Amino acid sequence: MTHKGRETAMLESCQNAQERWGGVHLLIDRWLQERHELVRAYDTLGEKPEALGENRKPLQEFCGVLVDYVSAGHFEIYEQLTGEAKAFNDKRGLELAETIYPRIDVITEKLLAFNDLCDAGKCVAEKFKELGGLLHERFELEDCLIEVLHTAHKEEAPVQA
């Protein structure tokens, strides 16, 4: 998939997620907005990936948004979604999370390794292009988690322990 095609798919996925889950939960809303900012920053850099080292400011901004987004996922959203599934005794959802989280962890390591390369001044266009596919996959996995671990429970009352 070309950069433009991947970028369009990521942006559409982001907009579709906001339409499906927007307003459901403030934390998820904020995170989806951060995702949208991440896609925009990726798009800005993707117009000239061969020039990544020439102007460090947009690259630094992208990396900052990337790290914020990844951190929010791991330290806020995933915990929230897993806690919600536990509150509703959703064994299917928890099993799905156990299947998906390891892949998200692998993607996270690659995204953070890219950030480290950029911090060291060694950011290259090939690694940047690789990010597009990783981000797209991560967004799809996250959307699946939101769908199964959050949306499935919005009309139910939690199970009392």
C-alpha atoms as a PDB file:
ATOM      1  CA  MET A   1       0.000   0.000   0.000  1.00  0.00           C
ATOM      2  CA  THR A   2       1.338   3.439  -0.863  1.00  0.00           C
ATOM      3  CA  HIS A   3       1.937   6.076   1.790  1.00  0.00           C
ATOM      4  CA  LYS A   4      -1.072   8.081   0.582  1.00  0.00           C
ATOM      5  CA  GLY A   5      -3.294   4.978   0.553  1.00  0.00           C
ATOM      6  CA  ARG A   6      -2.179   3.919   4.035  1.00  0.00           C
ATOM      7  CA  GLU A   7      -2.609   7.458   5.326  1.00  0.00           C
ATOM      8  CA  THR A   8      -6.136   7.640   3.895  1.00  0.00           C
ATOM      9  CA  ALA A   9      -7.025   4.265   5.414  1.00  0.00           C
ATOM     10  CA  MET A  10      -5.663   5.344   8.827  1.00  0.00           C
ATOM     11  CA  LEU A  11      -7.548   8.624   8.715  1.00  0.00           C
ATOM     12  CA  GLU A  12     -10.793   6.897   7.699  1.00  0.00           C
ATOM     13  CA  SER A  13     -10.312   4.325  10.454  1.00  0.00           C
ATOM     14  CA  CYS A  14      -9.749   7.140  12.933  1.00  0.00           C
ATOM     15  CA  GLN A  15     -12.878   8.996  11.803  1.00  0.00           C
ATOM     16  CA  ASN A  16     -14.956   5.799  11.814  1.00  0.00           C
ATOM     17  CA  ALA A  17     -13.816   5.019  15.359  1.00  0.00           C
ATOM     18  CA  GLN A  18     -14.770   8.508  16.533  1.00  0.00           C
ATOM     19  CA  GLU A  19     -18.183   8.160  14.894  1.00  0.00           C
ATOM     20  CA  ARG A  20     -18.795   4.740  16.467  1.00  0.00           C
ATOM     21  CA  TRP A  21     -17.486   5.436  19.953  1.00  0.00           C
ATOM     22  CA  GLY A  22     -17.350   9.212  20.259  1.00  0.00           C
ATOM     23  CA  GLY A  23     -19.120  10.405  23.391  1.00  0.00           C
ATOM     24  CA  VAL A  24     -19.263   6.912  24.891  1.00  0.00           C
ATOM     25  CA  HIS A  25     -16.504   7.573  27.345  1.00  0.00           C
ATOM     26  CA  LEU A  26     -14.471  10.742  27.839  1.00  0.00           C
ATOM     27  CA  LEU A  27     -11.186   8.850  28.177  1.00  0.00           C
ATOM     28  CA  ILE A  28     -11.724   7.012  24.896  1.00  0.00           C
ATOM     29  CA  ASP A  29     -12.858  10.237  23.210  1.00  0.00           C
ATOM     30  CA  ARG A  30      -9.651  12.003  24.252  1.00  0.00           C
ATOM     31  CA  TRP A  31      -7.534   9.057  23.124  1.00  0.00           C
ATOM     32  CA  LEU A  32      -9.246   8.912  19.732  1.00  0.00           C
ATOM     33  CA  GLN A  33      -8.573  12.629  19.345  1.00  0.00           C
ATOM     34  CA  GLU A  34      -4.889  11.958  20.107  1.00  0.00           C
ATOM     35  CA  ARG A  35      -4.981   9.242  17.445  1.00  0.00           C
ATOM     36  CA  HIS A  36      -6.319  11.773  14.961  1.00  0.00           C
ATOM     37  CA  GLU A  37      -3.461  14.175  15.854  1.00  0.00           C
ATOM     38  CA  LEU A  38      -0.972  11.335  15.413  1.00  0.00           C
ATOM     39  CA  VAL A  39      -2.324  10.544  11.945  1.00  0.00           C
ATOM     40  CA  ARG A  40      -2.149  14.226  10.964  1.00  0.00           C
ATOM     41  CA  ALA A  41       1.450  14.475  12.188  1.00  0.00           C
ATOM     42  CA  TYR A  42       2.325  11.275  10.320  1.00  0.00           C
ATOM     43  CA  ASP A  43       0.695  12.669   7.187  1.00  0.00           C
ATOM     44  CA  THR A  44       2.665  15.922   7.426  1.00  0.00           C
ATOM     45  CA  LEU A  45       5.971  14.054   7.651  1.00  0.00           C
ATOM     46  CA  GLY A  46       4.925  11.488   5.057  1.00  0.00           C
ATOM     47  CA  GLU A  47       4.724  14.081   2.330  1.00  0.00           C
ATOM     48  CA  LYS A  48       8.555  14.144   2.258  1.00  0.00           C
ATOM     49  CA  PRO A  49       9.893  11.205   4.284  1.00  0.00           C
ATOM     50  CA  GLU A  50      13.308  11.510   2.637  1.00  0.00           C
ATOM     51  CA  ALA A  51      13.671  14.926   4.303  1.00  0.00           C
ATOM     52  CA  LEU A  52      13.117  13.693   7.877  1.00  0.00           C
ATOM     53  CA  GLY A  53      16.500  14.905   9.080  1.00  0.00           C
ATOM     54  CA  GLU A  54      16.288  18.344   7.489  1.00  0.00           C
ATOM     55  CA  ASN A  55      13.671  19.891   9.748  1.00  0.00           C
ATOM     56  CA  ARG A  56      13.707  18.295  13.168  1.00  0.00           C
ATOM     57  CA  LYS A  57      10.781  20.257  14.624  1.00  0.00           C
ATOM     58  CA  PRO A  58       7.949  18.376  12.815  1.00  0.00           C
ATOM     59  CA  LEU A  59       9.715  15.086  13.520  1.00  0.00           C
ATOM     60  CA  GLN A  60      10.050  15.930  17.214  1.00  0.00           C
ATOM     61  CA  GLU A  61       6.376  16.933  17.330  1.00  0.00           C
ATOM     62  CA  PHE A  62       5.393  13.653  15.670  1.00  0.00           C
ATOM     63  CA  CYS A  63       7.503  11.643  18.104  1.00  0.00           C
ATOM     64  CA  GLY A  64       5.992  13.518  21.052  1.00  0.00           C
ATOM     65  CA  VAL A  65       2.447  12.759  19.885  1.00  0.00           C
ATOM     66  CA  LEU A  66       3.459   9.147  19.164  1.00  0.00           C
ATOM     67  CA  VAL A  67       4.846   8.594  22.666  1.00  0.00           C
ATOM     68  CA  ASP A  68       1.836  10.297  24.278  1.00  0.00           C
ATOM     69  CA  TYR A  69      -0.574   8.147  22.278  1.00  0.00           C
ATOM     70  CA  VAL A  70       1.253   4.895  23.022  1.00  0.00           C
ATOM     71  CA  SER A  71       1.535   5.781  26.721  1.00  0.00           C
ATOM     72  CA  ALA A  72      -2.155   6.644  27.033  1.00  0.00           C
ATOM     73  CA  GLY A  73      -3.040   3.297  25.492  1.00  0.00           C
ATOM     74  CA  HIS A  74      -0.897   1.276  27.826  1.00  0.00           C
ATOM     75  CA  PHE A  75      -1.323   3.208  31.047  1.00  0.00           C
ATOM     76  CA  GLU A  76      -4.930   4.373  30.766  1.00  0.00           C
ATOM     77  CA  ILE A  77      -7.096   2.903  28.026  1.00  0.00           C
ATOM     78  CA  TYR A  78      -6.141  -0.781  28.130  1.00  0.00           C
ATOM     79  CA  GLU A  79      -6.455  -0.837  31.924  1.00  0.00           C
ATOM     80  CA  GLN A  80      -9.853   0.861  31.679  1.00  0.00           C
ATOM     81  CA  LEU A  81     -11.098  -1.584  29.047  1.00  0.00           C
ATOM     82  CA  THR A  82      -9.810  -4.642  30.894  1.00  0.00           C
ATOM     83  CA  GLY A  83     -11.295  -3.384  34.163  1.00  0.00           C
ATOM     84  CA  GLU A  84     -14.641  -2.872  32.457  1.00  0.00           C
ATOM     85  CA  ALA A  85     -14.588  -6.399  31.020  1.00  0.00           C
ATOM     86  CA  LYS A  86     -13.790  -7.781  34.490  1.00  0.00           C
ATOM     87  CA  ALA A  87     -16.638  -5.759  36.021  1.00  0.00           C
ATOM     88  CA  PHE A  88     -19.029  -7.337  33.501  1.00  0.00           C
ATOM     89  CA  ASN A  89     -17.477 -10.806  33.885  1.00  0.00           C
ATOM     90  CA  ASP A  90     -16.823 -10.806  30.139  1.00  0.00           C
ATOM     91  CA  LYS A  91     -14.697 -13.909  29.656  1.00  0.00           C
ATOM     92  CA  ARG A  92     -14.831 -13.649  25.844  1.00  0.00           C
ATOM     93  CA  GLY A  93     -13.619 -10.060  25.957  1.00  0.00           C
ATOM     94  CA  LEU A  94     -10.827 -10.864  28.400  1.00  0.00           C
ATOM     95  CA  GLU A  95      -9.687 -13.774  26.223  1.00  0.00           C
ATOM     96  CA  LEU A  96      -9.627 -11.477  23.211  1.00  0.00           C
ATOM     97  CA  ALA A  97      -7.568  -8.948  25.160  1.00  0.00           C
ATOM     98  CA  GLU A  98      -5.079 -11.657  26.119  1.00  0.00           C
ATOM     99  CA  THR A  99      -4.737 -12.508  22.427  1.00  0.00           C
ATOM    100  CA  ILE A 100      -4.416  -8.914  21.192  1.00  0.00           C
ATOM    101  CA  TYR A 101      -2.263  -7.281  23.892  1.00  0.00           C
ATOM    102  CA  PRO A 102       0.926  -9.224  23.035  1.00  0.00           C
ATOM    103  CA  ARG A 103       0.779  -8.024  19.408  1.00  0.00           C
ATOM    104  CA  ILE A 104       0.143  -4.465  20.557  1.00  0.00           C
ATOM    105  CA  ASP A 105       3.184  -4.803  22.840  1.00  0.00           C
ATOM    106  CA  VAL A 106       5.371  -5.835  19.874  1.00  0.00           C
ATOM    107  CA  ILE A 107       4.104  -2.876  17.842  1.00  0.00           C
ATOM    108  CA  THR A 108       4.706  -0.572  20.809  1.00  0.00           C
ATOM    109  CA  GLU A 109       8.325  -1.712  21.068  1.00  0.00           C
ATOM    110  CA  LYS A 110       8.854  -0.928  17.376  1.00  0.00           C
ATOM    111  CA  LEU A 111       7.200   2.486  17.678  1.00  0.00           C
ATOM    112  CA  LEU A 112       9.317   3.397  20.696  1.00  0.00           C
ATOM    113  CA  ALA A 113      12.463   2.109  18.949  1.00  0.00           C
ATOM    114  CA  PHE A 114      11.660   4.530  16.106  1.00  0.00           C
ATOM    115  CA  ASN A 115      11.352   7.346  18.647  1.00  0.00           C
ATOM    116  CA  ASP A 116      14.727   6.372  20.135  1.00  0.00           C
ATOM    117  CA  LEU A 117      16.325   6.424  16.659  1.00  0.00           C
ATOM    118  CA  CYS A 118      14.955   9.912  16.092  1.00  0.00           C
ATOM    119  CA  ASP A 119      16.190  11.083  19.490  1.00  0.00           C
ATOM    120  CA  ALA A 120      19.645   9.841  18.493  1.00  0.00           C
ATOM    121  CA  GLY A 121      19.423  11.722  15.172  1.00  0.00           C
ATOM    122  CA  LYS A 122      19.320   8.466  13.188  1.00  0.00           C
ATOM    123  CA  CYS A 123      15.788   8.629  11.804  1.00  0.00           C
ATOM    124  CA  VAL A 124      15.581   7.249   8.270  1.00  0.00           C
ATOM    125  CA  ALA A 125      12.782   7.284   5.703  1.00  0.00           C
ATOM    126  CA  GLU A 126      12.579   3.461   5.524  1.00  0.00           C
ATOM    127  CA  LYS A 127      11.828   3.190   9.249  1.00  0.00           C
ATOM    128  CA  PHE A 128       9.293   5.992   8.987  1.00  0.00           C
ATOM    129  CA  LYS A 129       7.484   4.251   6.121  1.00  0.00           C
ATOM    130  CA  GLU A 130       7.395   1.055   8.195  1.00  0.00           C
ATOM    131  CA  LEU A 131       5.529   2.984  10.900  1.00  0.00           C
ATOM    132  CA  GLY A 132       2.491   3.488   8.682  1.00  0.00           C
ATOM    133  CA  GLY A 133       1.722  -0.225   8.548  1.00  0.00           C
ATOM    134  CA  LEU A 134       2.396  -0.644  12.260  1.00  0.00           C
ATOM    135  CA  LEU A 135       0.123   2.249  13.199  1.00  0.00           C
ATOM    136  CA  HIS A 136      -2.629   0.998  10.913  1.00  0.00           C
ATOM    137  CA  GLU A 137      -2.449  -2.489  12.448  1.00  0.00           C
ATOM    138  CA  ARG A 138      -2.403  -1.069  15.958  1.00  0.00           C
ATOM    139  CA  PHE A 139      -5.450   1.125  15.279  1.00  0.00           C
ATOM    140  CA  GLU A 140      -7.381  -1.899  13.994  1.00  0.00           C
ATOM    141  CA  LEU A 141      -6.456  -3.950  17.072  1.00  0.00           C
ATOM    142  CA  GLU A 142      -7.408  -1.089  19.375  1.00  0.00           C
ATOM    143  CA  ASP A 143     -10.733  -0.615  17.594  1.00  0.00           C
ATOM    144  CA  CYS A 144     -11.445  -4.299  18.104  1.00  0.00           C
ATOM    145  CA  LEU A 145     -10.681  -3.957  21.824  1.00  0.00           C
ATOM    146  CA  ILE A 146     -12.934  -0.916  22.152  1.00  0.00           C
ATOM    147  CA  GLU A 147     -15.723  -2.709  20.304  1.00  0.00           C
ATOM    148  CA  VAL A 148     -15.542  -5.876  22.375  1.00  0.00           C
ATOM    149  CA  LEU A 149     -14.450  -4.584  25.770  1.00  0.00           C
ATOM    150  CA  HIS A 150     -16.390  -1.328  25.912  1.00  0.00           C
ATOM    151  CA  THR A 151     -19.217  -1.016  23.433  1.00  0.00           C
ATOM    152  CA  ALA A 152     -20.546  -4.491  24.247  1.00  0.00           C
ATOM    153  CA  HIS A 153     -21.146  -3.379  27.850  1.00  0.00           C
ATOM    154  CA  LYS A 154     -22.542   0.102  27.459  1.00  0.00           C
ATOM    155  CA  GLU A 155     -26.173  -0.984  27.883  1.00  0.00           C
ATOM    156  CA  GLU A 156     -25.534  -3.530  30.668  1.00  0.00           C
ATOM    157  CA  ALA A 157     -25.084  -3.155  34.408  1.00  0.00           C
ATOM    158  CA  PRO A 158     -21.847  -4.525  35.904  1.00  0.00           C
ATOM    159  CA  VAL A 159     -21.875  -7.917  37.631  1.00  0.00           C
ATOM    160  CA  GLN A 160     -21.989  -7.534  41.396  1.00  0.00           C
ATOM    161  CA  ALA A 161     -19.189  -9.382  43.199  1.00  0.00           C
END
